[in-house]
């Protein structure tokens, strides 16, 4: 039988060392980088450096923009917390198990002479 050239199997690329926890960007770091980027863009437009003059209506809308964004973020956060509280699942099995542990602990304490 005629065989074609042998091809090495493709193996997944693996890194020789794992990324350290210090090198990985945390969620806080991502938010701070995003805020720094947006803040610097806002400052560049709001401070109107020479050669970059925005029309007056745009400047008037741009100056209070951080306050509007902060209020919008607060509303979003409040809505998210409210939604998560409204859709929180009760765990009846865990509650029953916890009640049994409490009963066993009380019985053990009574057996040792502690009055509850």
N, C-alpha and C. Protein backbone atom coordinates (compact mmCIF):
# COMPACT_ATOMS: atom_id res chain seq x y z
N UNK A 1 0.84 -1.18 0.00
CA UNK A 1 0.00 0.00 0.00
C UNK A 1 0.87 1.23 0.00
N UNK A 2 0.33 2.28 -0.54
CA UNK A 2 1.07 3.54 -0.66
C UNK A 2 0.71 4.42 0.53
N UNK A 3 1.74 4.86 1.21
CA UNK A 3 1.53 5.74 2.36
C UNK A 3 2.09 7.11 2.04
N UNK A 4 1.37 8.12 2.59
CA UNK A 4 1.84 9.49 2.41
C UNK A 4 2.89 9.83 3.45
N UNK A 5 3.36 11.04 3.42
CA UNK A 5 4.37 11.45 4.41
C UNK A 5 3.78 11.45 5.81
N UNK A 6 4.59 11.12 6.76
CA UNK A 6 4.15 11.08 8.15
C UNK A 6 4.12 12.50 8.71
N UNK A 7 3.01 12.83 9.34
CA UNK A 7 2.84 14.17 9.91
C UNK A 7 2.76 14.02 11.42
N UNK A 8 3.52 14.85 12.10
CA UNK A 8 3.50 14.82 13.56
C UNK A 8 2.15 15.33 14.05
N UNK A 9 1.61 14.72 15.09
CA UNK A 9 0.33 15.21 15.61
C UNK A 9 0.49 16.61 16.19
N UNK A 10 -0.55 17.41 16.05
CA UNK A 10 -0.53 18.77 16.59
C UNK A 10 -0.90 18.70 18.06
N UNK A 11 0.01 19.16 18.89
CA UNK A 11 -0.22 19.15 20.33
C UNK A 11 -0.60 20.55 20.79
N UNK A 12 -1.39 20.65 21.83
CA UNK A 12 -1.74 21.99 22.31
C UNK A 12 -0.51 22.71 22.84
N UNK A 13 -0.49 24.01 22.62
CA UNK A 13 0.62 24.84 23.08
C UNK A 13 0.54 24.98 24.59
N UNK A 14 1.61 24.67 25.26
CA UNK A 14 1.66 24.81 26.71
C UNK A 14 2.78 25.76 27.08
N UNK A 15 2.52 26.57 28.08
CA UNK A 15 3.54 27.49 28.55
C UNK A 15 4.46 26.76 29.52
N UNK A 16 5.71 27.13 29.52
CA UNK A 16 6.66 26.43 30.37
C UNK A 16 6.44 26.74 31.84
N UNK A 17 5.92 27.94 32.15
CA UNK A 17 5.64 28.25 33.56
C UNK A 17 4.30 28.97 33.63
N UNK A 18 3.64 28.75 34.72
CA UNK A 18 2.33 29.36 34.91
C UNK A 18 2.48 30.84 35.24
N UNK A 19 1.44 31.61 34.94
CA UNK A 19 1.45 33.02 35.27
C UNK A 19 1.29 33.16 36.78
N UNK A 20 2.13 33.96 37.38
CA UNK A 20 2.06 34.12 38.83
C UNK A 20 0.83 34.95 39.20
N UNK A 21 0.32 34.78 40.42
CA UNK A 21 -0.84 35.57 40.83
C UNK A 21 -0.56 37.07 40.81
N UNK A 22 0.69 37.46 41.02
CA UNK A 22 1.03 38.88 40.99
C UNK A 22 0.97 39.43 39.58
N UNK A 23 1.22 38.59 38.56
CA UNK A 23 1.25 39.06 37.19
C UNK A 23 -0.14 39.11 36.58
N UNK A 24 -1.06 38.35 37.08
CA UNK A 24 -2.41 38.34 36.53
C UNK A 24 -3.14 39.60 36.97
N UNK A 25 -3.87 40.20 36.02
CA UNK A 25 -4.60 41.42 36.35
C UNK A 25 -5.90 41.05 37.05
N UNK A 26 -6.11 41.64 38.19
CA UNK A 26 -7.33 41.39 38.94
C UNK A 26 -8.46 42.23 38.37
N UNK A 27 -9.67 41.96 38.82
CA UNK A 27 -10.82 42.73 38.36
C UNK A 27 -10.67 44.19 38.77
N UNK A 28 -10.13 44.42 39.97
CA UNK A 28 -9.90 45.79 40.42
C UNK A 28 -8.92 46.50 39.49
N UNK A 29 -7.85 45.81 39.09
CA UNK A 29 -6.88 46.39 38.17
C UNK A 29 -7.50 46.73 36.83
N UNK A 30 -8.39 45.86 36.34
CA UNK A 30 -9.06 46.13 35.08
C UNK A 30 -9.94 47.37 35.19
N UNK A 31 -10.71 47.47 36.28
CA UNK A 31 -11.57 48.62 36.47
C UNK A 31 -10.74 49.91 36.60
N UNK A 32 -9.65 49.84 37.34
CA UNK A 32 -8.81 51.04 37.50
C UNK A 32 -8.18 51.47 36.19
N UNK A 33 -7.75 50.51 35.38
CA UNK A 33 -7.19 50.86 34.06
C UNK A 33 -8.25 51.48 33.17
N UNK A 34 -9.45 50.93 33.18
CA UNK A 34 -10.54 51.49 32.39
C UNK A 34 -10.91 52.88 32.84
N UNK A 35 -10.99 53.08 34.17
CA UNK A 35 -11.30 54.41 34.69
C UNK A 35 -10.21 55.42 34.37
N UNK A 36 -8.96 54.99 34.44
CA UNK A 36 -7.85 55.89 34.09
C UNK A 36 -7.91 56.28 32.62
N UNK A 37 -8.23 55.33 31.77
CA UNK A 37 -8.33 55.62 30.34
C UNK A 37 -9.48 56.58 30.06
N UNK A 38 -10.65 56.31 30.62
CA UNK A 38 -11.79 57.20 30.41
C UNK A 38 -11.56 58.57 31.04
N UNK A 39 -10.96 58.58 32.22
CA UNK A 39 -10.68 59.85 32.89
C UNK A 39 -9.69 60.71 32.14
N UNK A 40 -8.69 60.09 31.58
CA UNK A 40 -7.71 60.87 30.81
C UNK A 40 -8.32 61.38 29.51
N UNK A 41 -9.18 60.58 28.88
CA UNK A 41 -9.87 61.06 27.66
C UNK A 41 -10.80 62.22 28.00
N UNK A 42 -11.52 62.12 29.12
CA UNK A 42 -12.40 63.19 29.54
C UNK A 42 -11.61 64.46 29.84
N UNK A 43 -10.51 64.31 30.58
CA UNK A 43 -9.69 65.47 30.93
C UNK A 43 -9.11 66.13 29.69
N UNK A 44 -8.69 65.31 28.72
CA UNK A 44 -8.13 65.87 27.49
C UNK A 44 -9.17 66.70 26.73
N UNK A 45 -10.39 66.26 26.74
CA UNK A 45 -11.45 67.01 26.04
C UNK A 45 -11.97 68.17 26.88
N UNK A 46 -12.10 67.98 28.20
CA UNK A 46 -12.69 69.01 29.05
C UNK A 46 -11.73 70.18 29.29
N UNK A 47 -10.45 69.92 29.37
CA UNK A 47 -9.49 70.99 29.65
C UNK A 47 -9.14 71.79 28.40
N UNK A 48 -9.57 71.31 27.26
CA UNK A 48 -9.40 72.01 25.98
C UNK A 48 -7.97 72.49 25.75
N UNK A 49 -7.07 71.56 25.45
CA UNK A 49 -5.70 71.98 25.16
C UNK A 49 -5.65 72.81 23.88
N UNK A 50 -4.57 73.58 23.68
CA UNK A 50 -4.49 74.42 22.47
C UNK A 50 -4.61 73.55 21.20
N UNK A 51 -5.40 74.03 20.28
CA UNK A 51 -5.58 73.31 19.03
C UNK A 51 -6.78 72.37 19.06
N UNK A 52 -7.41 72.20 20.21
CA UNK A 52 -8.57 71.31 20.31
C UNK A 52 -9.67 72.05 21.06
N UNK A 53 -10.48 72.78 20.33
CA UNK A 53 -11.58 73.52 20.93
C UNK A 53 -12.89 72.87 20.51
N UNK A 54 -13.67 72.44 21.48
CA UNK A 54 -14.98 71.88 21.20
C UNK A 54 -16.01 73.01 21.16
N UNK A 55 -17.07 72.83 20.37
CA UNK A 55 -18.14 73.83 20.40
C UNK A 55 -18.75 73.91 21.80
N UNK A 56 -19.32 75.04 22.13
CA UNK A 56 -19.84 75.29 23.47
C UNK A 56 -20.89 74.27 23.91
N UNK A 57 -21.85 73.87 23.07
CA UNK A 57 -22.82 72.88 23.54
C UNK A 57 -22.18 71.54 23.92
N UNK A 58 -21.14 71.15 23.19
CA UNK A 58 -20.46 69.90 23.52
C UNK A 58 -19.70 70.02 24.83
N UNK A 59 -19.06 71.16 25.05
CA UNK A 59 -18.32 71.36 26.30
C UNK A 59 -19.27 71.37 27.48
N UNK A 60 -20.44 71.99 27.33
CA UNK A 60 -21.41 72.05 28.42
C UNK A 60 -21.96 70.67 28.75
N UNK A 61 -22.05 69.80 27.76
CA UNK A 61 -22.50 68.43 28.02
C UNK A 61 -21.37 67.57 28.55
N UNK A 62 -20.13 67.91 28.21
CA UNK A 62 -18.98 67.09 28.60
C UNK A 62 -18.57 67.33 30.06
N UNK A 63 -18.70 68.53 30.56
CA UNK A 63 -18.22 68.84 31.91
C UNK A 63 -18.93 68.03 32.99
N UNK A 64 -20.27 67.90 33.01
CA UNK A 64 -20.90 67.10 34.07
C UNK A 64 -20.96 65.60 33.76
N UNK A 65 -20.35 65.15 32.69
CA UNK A 65 -20.42 63.75 32.29
C UNK A 65 -19.97 62.77 33.38
N UNK A 66 -18.88 63.02 34.14
CA UNK A 66 -18.50 62.07 35.20
C UNK A 66 -19.58 61.91 36.27
N UNK A 67 -20.27 62.99 36.59
CA UNK A 67 -21.34 62.89 37.59
C UNK A 67 -22.47 62.02 37.04
N UNK A 68 -22.85 62.24 35.77
CA UNK A 68 -23.90 61.43 35.15
C UNK A 68 -23.50 59.95 35.12
N UNK A 69 -22.26 59.68 34.78
CA UNK A 69 -21.80 58.29 34.74
C UNK A 69 -21.79 57.66 36.12
N UNK A 70 -21.43 58.43 37.13
CA UNK A 70 -21.44 57.91 38.51
C UNK A 70 -22.86 57.58 38.96
N UNK A 71 -23.82 58.45 38.63
CA UNK A 71 -25.22 58.19 38.98
C UNK A 71 -25.73 56.96 38.23
N UNK A 72 -25.38 56.85 36.94
CA UNK A 72 -25.81 55.69 36.15
C UNK A 72 -25.22 54.40 36.72
N UNK A 73 -23.95 54.43 37.13
CA UNK A 73 -23.32 53.26 37.72
C UNK A 73 -24.00 52.88 39.04
N UNK A 74 -24.36 53.88 39.85
CA UNK A 74 -25.07 53.62 41.09
C UNK A 74 -26.43 52.98 40.85
N UNK A 75 -27.15 53.48 39.85
CA UNK A 75 -28.46 52.90 39.51
C UNK A 75 -28.30 51.46 39.03
N UNK A 76 -27.30 51.23 38.20
CA UNK A 76 -27.05 49.87 37.70
C UNK A 76 -26.71 48.93 38.86
N UNK A 77 -25.86 49.38 39.77
CA UNK A 77 -25.46 48.55 40.91
C UNK A 77 -26.66 48.24 41.80
N UNK A 78 -27.49 49.23 42.05
CA UNK A 78 -28.67 49.03 42.88
C UNK A 78 -29.64 48.06 42.22
N UNK A 79 -29.83 48.19 40.91
CA UNK A 79 -30.72 47.28 40.19
C UNK A 79 -30.17 45.86 40.19
N UNK A 80 -28.86 45.71 40.04
CA UNK A 80 -28.24 44.39 40.04
C UNK A 80 -28.40 43.70 41.40
N UNK A 81 -28.14 44.44 42.47
CA UNK A 81 -28.30 43.87 43.81
C UNK A 81 -29.75 43.51 44.06
N UNK A 82 -30.68 44.38 43.68
CA UNK A 82 -32.10 44.08 43.85
C UNK A 82 -32.54 42.86 43.08
N UNK A 83 -32.07 42.72 41.85
CA UNK A 83 -32.42 41.56 41.04
C UNK A 83 -31.86 40.28 41.65
N UNK A 84 -30.60 40.34 42.09
CA UNK A 84 -29.98 39.14 42.69
C UNK A 84 -30.68 38.75 43.98
N UNK A 85 -31.13 39.73 44.76
CA UNK A 85 -31.87 39.41 45.98
C UNK A 85 -33.24 38.81 45.66
N UNK A 86 -33.88 39.32 44.60
CA UNK A 86 -35.20 38.82 44.24
C UNK A 86 -35.15 37.40 43.69
N UNK A 87 -34.05 37.04 43.05
CA UNK A 87 -33.95 35.72 42.42
C UNK A 87 -33.07 34.76 43.21
N UNK A 88 -32.79 35.10 44.47
CA UNK A 88 -31.93 34.26 45.31
C UNK A 88 -32.67 32.96 45.62
N UNK A 89 -32.00 31.85 45.42
CA UNK A 89 -32.61 30.54 45.65
C UNK A 89 -32.46 30.13 47.12
N UNK A 90 -33.56 29.63 47.68
CA UNK A 90 -33.50 29.06 49.03
C UNK A 90 -33.00 27.63 48.92
N UNK A 91 -32.27 27.20 49.91
CA UNK A 91 -31.74 25.84 49.90
C UNK A 91 -32.33 25.12 51.12
N UNK A 92 -33.48 24.52 50.92
CA UNK A 92 -34.20 23.88 52.02
C UNK A 92 -33.42 22.70 52.60
N UNK A 93 -32.73 21.94 51.75
CA UNK A 93 -31.98 20.78 52.24
C UNK A 93 -30.86 21.23 53.18
N UNK A 94 -30.16 22.28 52.80
CA UNK A 94 -29.07 22.76 53.65
C UNK A 94 -29.61 23.33 54.95
N UNK A 95 -30.76 24.01 54.89
CA UNK A 95 -31.36 24.55 56.11
C UNK A 95 -31.76 23.43 57.06
N UNK A 96 -32.35 22.35 56.53
CA UNK A 96 -32.74 21.21 57.37
C UNK A 96 -31.50 20.55 57.97
N UNK A 97 -30.45 20.41 57.18
CA UNK A 97 -29.21 19.81 57.69
C UNK A 97 -28.61 20.67 58.79
N UNK A 98 -28.65 21.99 58.61
CA UNK A 98 -28.13 22.89 59.63
C UNK A 98 -28.94 22.79 60.92
N UNK A 99 -30.27 22.69 60.80
CA UNK A 99 -31.10 22.51 61.99
C UNK A 99 -30.73 21.23 62.74
N UNK A 100 -30.48 20.15 62.01
CA UNK A 100 -30.08 18.88 62.64
C UNK A 100 -28.74 19.03 63.36
N UNK A 101 -27.79 19.75 62.75
CA UNK A 101 -26.50 19.97 63.40
C UNK A 101 -26.67 20.78 64.68
N UNK A 102 -27.55 21.76 64.64
CA UNK A 102 -27.79 22.58 65.83
C UNK A 102 -28.41 21.73 66.94
N UNK A 103 -29.38 20.89 66.60
CA UNK A 103 -29.99 20.00 67.60
C UNK A 103 -28.95 19.07 68.20
N UNK A 104 -28.08 18.51 67.35
CA UNK A 104 -27.05 17.61 67.85
C UNK A 104 -26.07 18.34 68.76
N UNK A 105 -25.73 19.57 68.41
CA UNK A 105 -24.79 20.35 69.22
C UNK A 105 -25.42 20.70 70.57
N UNK A 106 -26.72 21.06 70.57
CA UNK A 106 -27.40 21.36 71.83
C UNK A 106 -27.47 20.12 72.72
N UNK A 107 -27.79 18.98 72.12
CA UNK A 107 -27.85 17.73 72.90
C UNK A 107 -26.48 17.41 73.49
N UNK A 108 -25.44 17.61 72.73
CA UNK A 108 -24.08 17.35 73.21
C UNK A 108 -23.73 18.29 74.36
N UNK A 109 -24.10 19.56 74.23
CA UNK A 109 -23.81 20.51 75.31
C UNK A 109 -24.62 20.19 76.57
N UNK A 110 -25.88 19.77 76.39
CA UNK A 110 -26.68 19.37 77.56
C UNK A 110 -26.06 18.15 78.24
N UNK A 111 -25.56 17.20 77.44
CA UNK A 111 -24.94 16.00 77.98
C UNK A 111 -23.69 16.37 78.79
N UNK A 112 -23.03 17.42 78.39
CA UNK A 112 -21.82 17.85 79.11
C UNK A 112 -22.14 18.76 80.29
N UNK A 113 -23.42 19.08 80.50
CA UNK A 113 -23.79 19.83 81.68
C UNK A 113 -24.07 21.30 81.43
N UNK A 114 -24.08 21.76 80.22
CA UNK A 114 -24.36 23.17 79.95
C UNK A 114 -25.86 23.33 79.72
N UNK A 115 -26.43 24.33 80.40
CA UNK A 115 -27.87 24.57 80.24
C UNK A 115 -28.07 25.72 79.25
N UNK A 116 -28.96 25.50 78.32
CA UNK A 116 -29.25 26.52 77.29
C UNK A 116 -30.57 27.18 77.54
